[in-house]
Amino acid sequence: MNQNTISILAIDGPSGVGKGTVARVMAQKLGWHLLDSGAIYRAFALAVEARGVDIADKSALQKIAQTLDLEFKTEQGSELVSVFLEGGDVSKILRTEQTGEMASKVASVGVVRTALLKRQQDFAQAPGLVADGRDMGTVVFADAPFKVFLTASAQERAKRRLKQLQAQGTMGIMSQILAEVVARDERDCSRKNSPLKPADDALIIDTTELSIDKVIAQVSELIKA
């Protein structure tokens, strides 16, 4: 794969900033492929948990990462992407707080990131790719012509997560969610391998006070320019 010959929009940022929605809408507008790298790490975390592997066992983690049986499927007319792990639909459990926490922990392991790197880069196919994650613009697609880093206050992101849980019929405690958001940020930003940070040439957008439409408008302007 030669990243230089394919148009790539890399969208990075912490959880709760609207990356997934912006990436999906931009992919639809541009007619490009979509990569949700977070789903890959979450699915990997589920595979690790299902096998009862200790995350300190780097050799076992590497083996799982190299042989991960993962498939993304989209239905005609639907905005949702279904994720299949070893043949089973894990779309719902993939988005739980527990899976997100586990994914954040295993993502800090160097051999895991290395093993999953090529898998993510293989998503770059013509006519283009919108890649959503935490190190898309700094590591996975460092040569991408378009890079965006979305951010928002921890308080606002915790509030958004609470609304999501309530919409799913699940109860949540604001103080607990906020603590989890802060802890995950600290883990993602301070990890040794591919820490969460904006690429030097990324457009940084604070979404705290912005609607999704306004964020998409700014990203669209970047592509046009």
C-alpha atoms as a PDB file:
ATOM      1  CA  MET A   1       0.000   0.000   0.000  1.00  0.00           C
ATOM      2  CA  ASN A   2       1.314   3.440  -0.897  1.00  0.00           C
ATOM      3  CA  GLN A   3      -0.398   5.990   1.310  1.00  0.00           C
ATOM      4  CA  ASN A   4       0.827   8.822  -0.921  1.00  0.00           C
ATOM      5  CA  THR A   5      -1.351   7.683  -3.834  1.00  0.00           C
ATOM      6  CA  ILE A   6      -4.575   7.452  -1.821  1.00  0.00           C
ATOM      7  CA  SER A   7      -6.533  10.331  -0.300  1.00  0.00           C
ATOM      8  CA  ILE A   8      -6.712   9.822   3.467  1.00  0.00           C
ATOM      9  CA  LEU A   9      -8.519  11.869   6.108  1.00  0.00           C
ATOM     10  CA  ALA A  10      -7.160  11.008   9.566  1.00  0.00           C
ATOM     11  CA  ILE A  11      -9.405  11.960  12.492  1.00  0.00           C
ATOM     12  CA  ASP A  12      -7.902  11.594  15.963  1.00  0.00           C
ATOM     13  CA  GLY A  13      -8.890  12.540  19.489  1.00  0.00           C
ATOM     14  CA  PRO A  14      -9.985  11.122  22.852  1.00  0.00           C
ATOM     15  CA  SER A  15     -13.302   9.363  23.481  1.00  0.00           C
ATOM     16  CA  GLY A  16     -16.492  11.427  23.415  1.00  0.00           C
ATOM     17  CA  VAL A  17     -15.410  14.154  20.987  1.00  0.00           C
ATOM     18  CA  GLY A  18     -17.611  12.958  18.108  1.00  0.00           C
ATOM     19  CA  LYS A  19     -14.917  11.230  16.027  1.00  0.00           C
ATOM     20  CA  GLY A  20     -17.112   8.297  15.046  1.00  0.00           C
ATOM     21  CA  THR A  21     -20.009  10.419  13.832  1.00  0.00           C
ATOM     22  CA  VAL A  22     -17.805  12.889  11.976  1.00  0.00           C
ATOM     23  CA  ALA A  23     -15.820  10.069  10.340  1.00  0.00           C
ATOM     24  CA  ARG A  24     -18.964   8.231   9.231  1.00  0.00           C
ATOM     25  CA  VAL A  25     -20.605  11.361   7.780  1.00  0.00           C
ATOM     26  CA  MET A  26     -17.423  12.442   5.994  1.00  0.00           C
ATOM     27  CA  ALA A  27     -16.944   8.962   4.502  1.00  0.00           C
ATOM     28  CA  GLN A  28     -20.504   9.065   3.174  1.00  0.00           C
ATOM     29  CA  LYS A  29     -20.104  12.597   1.780  1.00  0.00           C
ATOM     30  CA  LEU A  30     -16.823  11.795   0.058  1.00  0.00           C
ATOM     31  CA  GLY A  31     -17.693   8.253  -1.003  1.00  0.00           C
ATOM     32  CA  TRP A  32     -14.562   6.945   0.740  1.00  0.00           C
ATOM     33  CA  HIS A  33     -13.929   3.844   2.813  1.00  0.00           C
ATOM     34  CA  LEU A  34     -14.185   4.044   6.611  1.00  0.00           C
ATOM     35  CA  LEU A  35     -11.837   2.717   9.295  1.00  0.00           C
ATOM     36  CA  ASP A  36     -12.907   2.734  12.941  1.00  0.00           C
ATOM     37  CA  SER A  37      -9.589   1.747  14.502  1.00  0.00           C
ATOM     38  CA  GLY A  38     -11.131   1.847  17.972  1.00  0.00           C
ATOM     39  CA  ALA A  39     -13.404  -1.048  16.967  1.00  0.00           C
ATOM     40  CA  ILE A  40     -10.330  -3.102  16.064  1.00  0.00           C
ATOM     41  CA  TYR A  41      -8.786  -2.564  19.506  1.00  0.00           C
ATOM     42  CA  ARG A  42     -12.109  -3.193  21.244  1.00  0.00           C
ATOM     43  CA  ALA A  43     -12.609  -6.439  19.313  1.00  0.00           C
ATOM     44  CA  PHE A  44      -9.050  -7.448  20.180  1.00  0.00           C
ATOM     45  CA  ALA A  45      -9.793  -6.733  23.865  1.00  0.00           C
ATOM     46  CA  LEU A  46     -12.863  -9.003  23.673  1.00  0.00           C
ATOM     47  CA  ALA A  47     -10.763 -11.781  22.110  1.00  0.00           C
ATOM     48  CA  VAL A  48      -8.170 -11.439  24.878  1.00  0.00           C
ATOM     49  CA  GLU A  49     -10.887 -11.551  27.540  1.00  0.00           C
ATOM     50  CA  ALA A  50     -12.612 -14.566  25.933  1.00  0.00           C
ATOM     51  CA  ARG A  51      -9.347 -16.502  26.023  1.00  0.00           C
ATOM     52  CA  GLY A  52      -8.621 -15.490  29.610  1.00  0.00           C
ATOM     53  CA  VAL A  53      -5.193 -14.144  28.638  1.00  0.00           C
ATOM     54  CA  ASP A  54      -3.277 -11.964  31.091  1.00  0.00           C
ATOM     55  CA  ILE A  55      -2.461  -8.600  29.457  1.00  0.00           C
ATOM     56  CA  ALA A  56       1.050  -8.924  30.906  1.00  0.00           C
ATOM     57  CA  ASP A  57       1.628 -11.930  28.611  1.00  0.00           C
ATOM     58  CA  LYS A  58       2.955 -10.049  25.560  1.00  0.00           C
ATOM     59  CA  SER A  59       3.672 -13.184  23.549  1.00  0.00           C
ATOM     60  CA  ALA A  60       0.065 -14.401  23.866  1.00  0.00           C
ATOM     61  CA  LEU A  61      -1.271 -10.925  23.048  1.00  0.00           C
ATOM     62  CA  GLN A  62       0.875 -10.747  19.924  1.00  0.00           C
ATOM     63  CA  LYS A  63      -0.360 -14.134  18.721  1.00  0.00           C
ATOM     64  CA  ILE A  64      -4.023 -13.096  19.144  1.00  0.00           C
ATOM     65  CA  ALA A  65      -3.400  -9.783  17.340  1.00  0.00           C
ATOM     66  CA  GLN A  66      -1.762 -11.546  14.388  1.00  0.00           C
ATOM     67  CA  THR A  67      -4.594 -14.052  13.953  1.00  0.00           C
ATOM     68  CA  LEU A  68      -7.591 -11.882  14.889  1.00  0.00           C
ATOM     69  CA  ASP A  69     -10.626 -13.074  12.897  1.00  0.00           C
ATOM     70  CA  LEU A  70     -12.414  -9.753  12.409  1.00  0.00           C
ATOM     71  CA  GLU A  71     -14.927  -8.560   9.824  1.00  0.00           C
ATOM     72  CA  PHE A  72     -16.865  -5.315   9.338  1.00  0.00           C
ATOM     73  CA  LYS A  73     -20.217  -5.407   7.543  1.00  0.00           C
ATOM     74  CA  THR A  74     -22.547  -2.595   6.512  1.00  0.00           C
ATOM     75  CA  GLU A  75     -26.172  -3.008   5.505  1.00  0.00           C
ATOM     76  CA  GLN A  76     -27.598  -1.161   2.518  1.00  0.00           C
ATOM     77  CA  GLY A  77     -29.366   2.007   3.676  1.00  0.00           C
ATOM     78  CA  SER A  78     -28.013   1.748   7.227  1.00  0.00           C
ATOM     79  CA  GLU A  79     -25.449   4.032   8.879  1.00  0.00           C
ATOM     80  CA  LEU A  80     -24.482   1.315  11.343  1.00  0.00           C
ATOM     81  CA  VAL A  81     -21.434  -0.895  10.906  1.00  0.00           C
ATOM     82  CA  SER A  82     -21.714  -4.424  12.283  1.00  0.00           C
ATOM     83  CA  VAL A  83     -18.565  -5.994  13.711  1.00  0.00           C
ATOM     84  CA  PHE A  84     -18.056  -9.757  13.649  1.00  0.00           C
ATOM     85  CA  LEU A  85     -15.412 -11.400  15.816  1.00  0.00           C
ATOM     86  CA  GLU A  86     -14.686 -15.028  14.967  1.00  0.00           C
ATOM     87  CA  GLY A  87     -18.021 -15.188  13.157  1.00  0.00           C
ATOM     88  CA  GLY A  88     -20.128 -13.736  15.982  1.00  0.00           C
ATOM     89  CA  ASP A  89     -21.763 -10.293  15.960  1.00  0.00           C
ATOM     90  CA  VAL A  90     -20.162  -8.292  18.789  1.00  0.00           C
ATOM     91  CA  SER A  91     -21.440  -4.858  17.709  1.00  0.00           C
ATOM     92  CA  LYS A  92     -23.374  -4.147  20.926  1.00  0.00           C
ATOM     93  CA  ILE A  93     -20.888  -5.400  23.508  1.00  0.00           C
ATOM     94  CA  LEU A  94     -18.124  -3.617  21.587  1.00  0.00           C
ATOM     95  CA  ARG A  95     -19.433  -0.218  22.673  1.00  0.00           C
ATOM     96  CA  THR A  96     -19.748  -0.866  26.402  1.00  0.00           C
ATOM     97  CA  GLU A  97     -17.667   1.081  28.936  1.00  0.00           C
ATOM     98  CA  GLN A  98     -16.070  -2.151  30.159  1.00  0.00           C
ATOM     99  CA  THR A  99     -14.829  -3.065  26.664  1.00  0.00           C
ATOM    100  CA  GLY A 100     -13.553   0.472  26.137  1.00  0.00           C
ATOM    101  CA  GLU A 101     -11.560   0.335  29.362  1.00  0.00           C
ATOM    102  CA  MET A 102     -10.034  -3.010  28.413  1.00  0.00           C
ATOM    103  CA  ALA A 103      -9.211  -1.753  24.905  1.00  0.00           C
ATOM    104  CA  SER A 104      -7.420   1.284  26.331  1.00  0.00           C
ATOM    105  CA  LYS A 105      -5.254  -0.993  28.492  1.00  0.00           C
ATOM    106  CA  VAL A 106      -4.245  -3.467  25.770  1.00  0.00           C
ATOM    107  CA  ALA A 107      -3.663  -0.609  23.296  1.00  0.00           C
ATOM    108  CA  SER A 108      -0.734   0.545  25.428  1.00  0.00           C
ATOM    109  CA  VAL A 109       1.162  -2.695  24.733  1.00  0.00           C
ATOM    110  CA  GLY A 110       3.764  -2.127  22.009  1.00  0.00           C
ATOM    111  CA  VAL A 111       3.631  -5.587  20.393  1.00  0.00           C
ATOM    112  CA  VAL A 112      -0.148  -5.251  20.031  1.00  0.00           C
ATOM    113  CA  ARG A 113       0.066  -1.887  18.249  1.00  0.00           C
ATOM    114  CA  THR A 114       2.785  -3.234  15.948  1.00  0.00           C
ATOM    115  CA  ALA A 115       0.790  -6.354  15.093  1.00  0.00           C
ATOM    116  CA  LEU A 116      -2.379  -4.387  14.333  1.00  0.00           C
ATOM    117  CA  LEU A 117      -0.630  -1.587  12.406  1.00  0.00           C
ATOM    118  CA  LYS A 118      -0.499  -3.347   9.030  1.00  0.00           C
ATOM    119  CA  ARG A 119      -4.103  -4.479   9.443  1.00  0.00           C
ATOM    120  CA  GLN A 120      -5.227  -0.866   9.794  1.00  0.00           C
ATOM    121  CA  GLN A 121      -3.093   0.378   6.904  1.00  0.00           C
ATOM    122  CA  ASP A 122      -4.662  -2.226   4.609  1.00  0.00           C
ATOM    123  CA  PHE A 123      -7.942  -0.289   4.838  1.00  0.00           C
ATOM    124  CA  ALA A 124      -6.400   2.470   2.678  1.00  0.00           C
ATOM    125  CA  GLN A 125      -7.937   1.735  -0.711  1.00  0.00           C
ATOM    126  CA  ALA A 126      -9.107   3.895  -3.620  1.00  0.00           C
ATOM    127  CA  PRO A 127     -10.855   6.263  -3.916  1.00  0.00           C
ATOM    128  CA  GLY A 128      -9.939   7.248  -0.333  1.00  0.00           C
ATOM    129  CA  LEU A 129     -10.199   6.481   3.365  1.00  0.00           C
ATOM    130  CA  VAL A 130     -11.533   8.247   6.447  1.00  0.00           C
ATOM    131  CA  ALA A 131      -9.657   6.819   9.447  1.00  0.00           C
ATOM    132  CA  ASP A 132     -10.889   7.435  13.001  1.00  0.00           C
ATOM    133  CA  GLY A 133      -8.690   6.729  16.007  1.00  0.00           C
ATOM    134  CA  ARG A 134      -6.031   8.003  18.372  1.00  0.00           C
ATOM    135  CA  ASP A 135      -2.843   7.734  16.304  1.00  0.00           C
ATOM    136  CA  MET A 136      -4.117   7.794  12.729  1.00  0.00           C
ATOM    137  CA  GLY A 137      -2.386  11.060  11.826  1.00  0.00           C
ATOM    138  CA  THR A 138       0.755  10.524  13.900  1.00  0.00           C
ATOM    139  CA  VAL A 139       1.586   6.860  13.236  1.00  0.00           C
ATOM    140  CA  VAL A 140      -0.765   4.735  11.122  1.00  0.00           C
ATOM    141  CA  PHE A 141      -1.199   7.278   8.305  1.00  0.00           C
ATOM    142  CA  ALA A 142       1.534   9.784   9.105  1.00  0.00           C
ATOM    143  CA  ASP A 143       1.647  10.884   5.434  1.00  0.00           C
ATOM    144  CA  ALA A 144      -2.104  11.508   5.178  1.00  0.00           C
ATOM    145  CA  PRO A 145      -2.820  14.783   3.340  1.00  0.00           C
ATOM    146  CA  PHE A 146      -5.745  15.637   5.624  1.00  0.00           C
ATOM    147  CA  LYS A 147      -5.476  15.446   9.418  1.00  0.00           C
ATOM    148  CA  VAL A 148      -7.940  16.534  12.098  1.00  0.00           C
ATOM    149  CA  PHE A 149      -7.664  16.338  15.873  1.00  0.00           C
ATOM    150  CA  LEU A 150     -10.941  16.701  17.772  1.00  0.00           C
ATOM    151  CA  THR A 151     -10.972  17.648  21.427  1.00  0.00           C
ATOM    152  CA  ALA A 152     -13.500  18.666  24.111  1.00  0.00           C
ATOM    153  CA  SER A 153     -13.534  19.173  27.865  1.00  0.00           C
ATOM    154  CA  ALA A 154     -13.622  16.031  30.010  1.00  0.00           C
ATOM    155  CA  GLN A 155     -16.813  17.296  31.651  1.00  0.00           C
ATOM    156  CA  GLU A 156     -18.585  17.684  28.305  1.00  0.00           C
ATOM    157  CA  ARG A 157     -17.430  14.266  27.093  1.00  0.00           C
ATOM    158  CA  ALA A 158     -18.642  12.602  30.288  1.00  0.00           C
ATOM    159  CA  LYS A 159     -21.994  14.348  29.854  1.00  0.00           C
ATOM    160  CA  ARG A 160     -22.284  13.042  26.289  1.00  0.00           C
ATOM    161  CA  ARG A 161     -21.445   9.504  27.426  1.00  0.00           C
ATOM    162  CA  LEU A 162     -24.091   9.675  30.142  1.00  0.00           C
ATOM    163  CA  LYS A 163     -26.696  10.712  27.543  1.00  0.00           C
ATOM    164  CA  GLN A 164     -25.668   7.780  25.337  1.00  0.00           C
ATOM    165  CA  LEU A 165     -26.102   5.336  28.201  1.00  0.00           C
ATOM    166  CA  GLN A 166     -29.489   6.793  29.120  1.00  0.00           C
ATOM    167  CA  ALA A 167     -30.618   6.554  25.491  1.00  0.00           C
ATOM    168  CA  GLN A 168     -29.697   2.854  25.607  1.00  0.00           C
ATOM    169  CA  GLY A 169     -31.754   2.402  28.762  1.00  0.00           C
ATOM    170  CA  THR A 170     -28.690   2.066  30.980  1.00  0.00           C
ATOM    171  CA  MET A 171     -28.162   3.987  34.198  1.00  0.00           C
ATOM    172  CA  GLY A 172     -24.921   5.885  34.691  1.00  0.00           C
ATOM    173  CA  ILE A 173     -23.329   7.959  37.438  1.00  0.00           C
ATOM    174  CA  MET A 174     -21.837  11.228  36.183  1.00  0.00           C
ATOM    175  CA  SER A 175     -18.973  11.343  38.703  1.00  0.00           C
ATOM    176  CA  GLN A 176     -17.972   7.760  37.885  1.00  0.00           C
ATOM    177  CA  ILE A 177     -18.098   8.345  34.115  1.00  0.00           C
ATOM    178  CA  LEU A 178     -16.037  11.536  34.479  1.00  0.00           C
ATOM    179  CA  ALA A 179     -13.416   9.671  36.516  1.00  0.00           C
ATOM    180  CA  GLU A 180     -13.229   6.976  33.821  1.00  0.00           C
ATOM    181  CA  VAL A 181     -12.852   9.600  31.075  1.00  0.00           C
ATOM    182  CA  VAL A 182     -10.002  11.322  32.937  1.00  0.00           C
ATOM    183  CA  ALA A 183      -8.272   7.996  33.698  1.00  0.00           C
ATOM    184  CA  ARG A 184      -8.512   6.870  30.066  1.00  0.00           C
ATOM    185  CA  ASP A 185      -7.140  10.211  28.844  1.00  0.00           C
ATOM    186  CA  GLU A 186      -4.190   9.897  31.192  1.00  0.00           C
ATOM    187  CA  ARG A 187      -3.497   6.337  30.035  1.00  0.00           C
ATOM    188  CA  ASP A 188      -3.794   7.216  26.322  1.00  0.00           C
ATOM    189  CA  CYS A 189      -1.693  10.388  26.516  1.00  0.00           C
ATOM    190  CA  SER A 190       1.091   8.981  28.683  1.00  0.00           C
ATOM    191  CA  ARG A 191       1.598   5.575  27.080  1.00  0.00           C
ATOM    192  CA  LYS A 192       5.038   4.898  25.657  1.00  0.00           C
ATOM    193  CA  ASN A 193       3.790   3.605  22.303  1.00  0.00           C
ATOM    194  CA  SER A 194       1.873   5.998  20.037  1.00  0.00           C
ATOM    195  CA  PRO A 195       0.604   8.395  22.730  1.00  0.00           C
ATOM    196  CA  LEU A 196      -2.549  10.360  22.007  1.00  0.00           C
ATOM    197  CA  LYS A 197      -1.515  13.771  20.651  1.00  0.00           C
ATOM    198  CA  PRO A 198      -2.277  15.963  17.617  1.00  0.00           C
ATOM    199  CA  ALA A 199      -0.068  15.567  14.553  1.00  0.00           C
ATOM    200  CA  ASP A 200       2.038  18.682  13.946  1.00  0.00           C
ATOM    201  CA  ASP A 201       0.080  19.413  10.753  1.00  0.00           C
ATOM    202  CA  ALA A 202      -3.405  18.575  12.098  1.00  0.00           C
ATOM    203  CA  LEU A 203      -6.362  20.950  12.210  1.00  0.00           C
ATOM    204  CA  ILE A 204      -7.408  21.050  15.889  1.00  0.00           C
ATOM    205  CA  ILE A 205     -11.122  21.521  16.557  1.00  0.00           C
ATOM    206  CA  ASP A 206     -12.588  21.940  20.047  1.00  0.00           C
ATOM    207  CA  THR A 207     -16.066  20.403  19.865  1.00  0.00           C
ATOM    208  CA  THR A 208     -17.144  21.354  23.413  1.00  0.00           C
ATOM    209  CA  GLU A 209     -19.492  24.104  22.201  1.00  0.00           C
ATOM    210  CA  LEU A 210     -19.939  22.951  18.605  1.00  0.00           C
ATOM    211  CA  SER A 211     -22.703  20.934  16.980  1.00  0.00           C
ATOM    212  CA  ILE A 212     -21.715  17.972  14.818  1.00  0.00           C
ATOM    213  CA  ASP A 213     -22.847  19.921  11.727  1.00  0.00           C
ATOM    214  CA  LYS A 214     -20.419  22.752  12.516  1.00  0.00           C
ATOM    215  CA  VAL A 215     -17.565  20.321  13.071  1.00  0.00           C
ATOM    216  CA  ILE A 216     -18.315  18.588   9.757  1.00  0.00           C
ATOM    217  CA  ALA A 217     -18.414  21.989   8.022  1.00  0.00           C
ATOM    218  CA  GLN A 218     -14.886  22.762   9.259  1.00  0.00           C
ATOM    219  CA  VAL A 219     -13.575  19.361   8.210  1.00  0.00           C
ATOM    220  CA  SER A 220     -15.231  19.729   4.797  1.00  0.00           C
ATOM    221  CA  GLU A 221     -13.501  23.094   4.329  1.00  0.00           C
ATOM    222  CA  LEU A 222     -10.167  21.446   5.037  1.00  0.00           C
ATOM    223  CA  ILE A 223     -10.777  18.881   2.285  1.00  0.00           C
ATOM    224  CA  LYS A 224     -11.867  21.584  -0.196  1.00  0.00           C
ATOM    225  CA  ALA A 225      -8.837  23.747   0.583  1.00  0.00           C
END
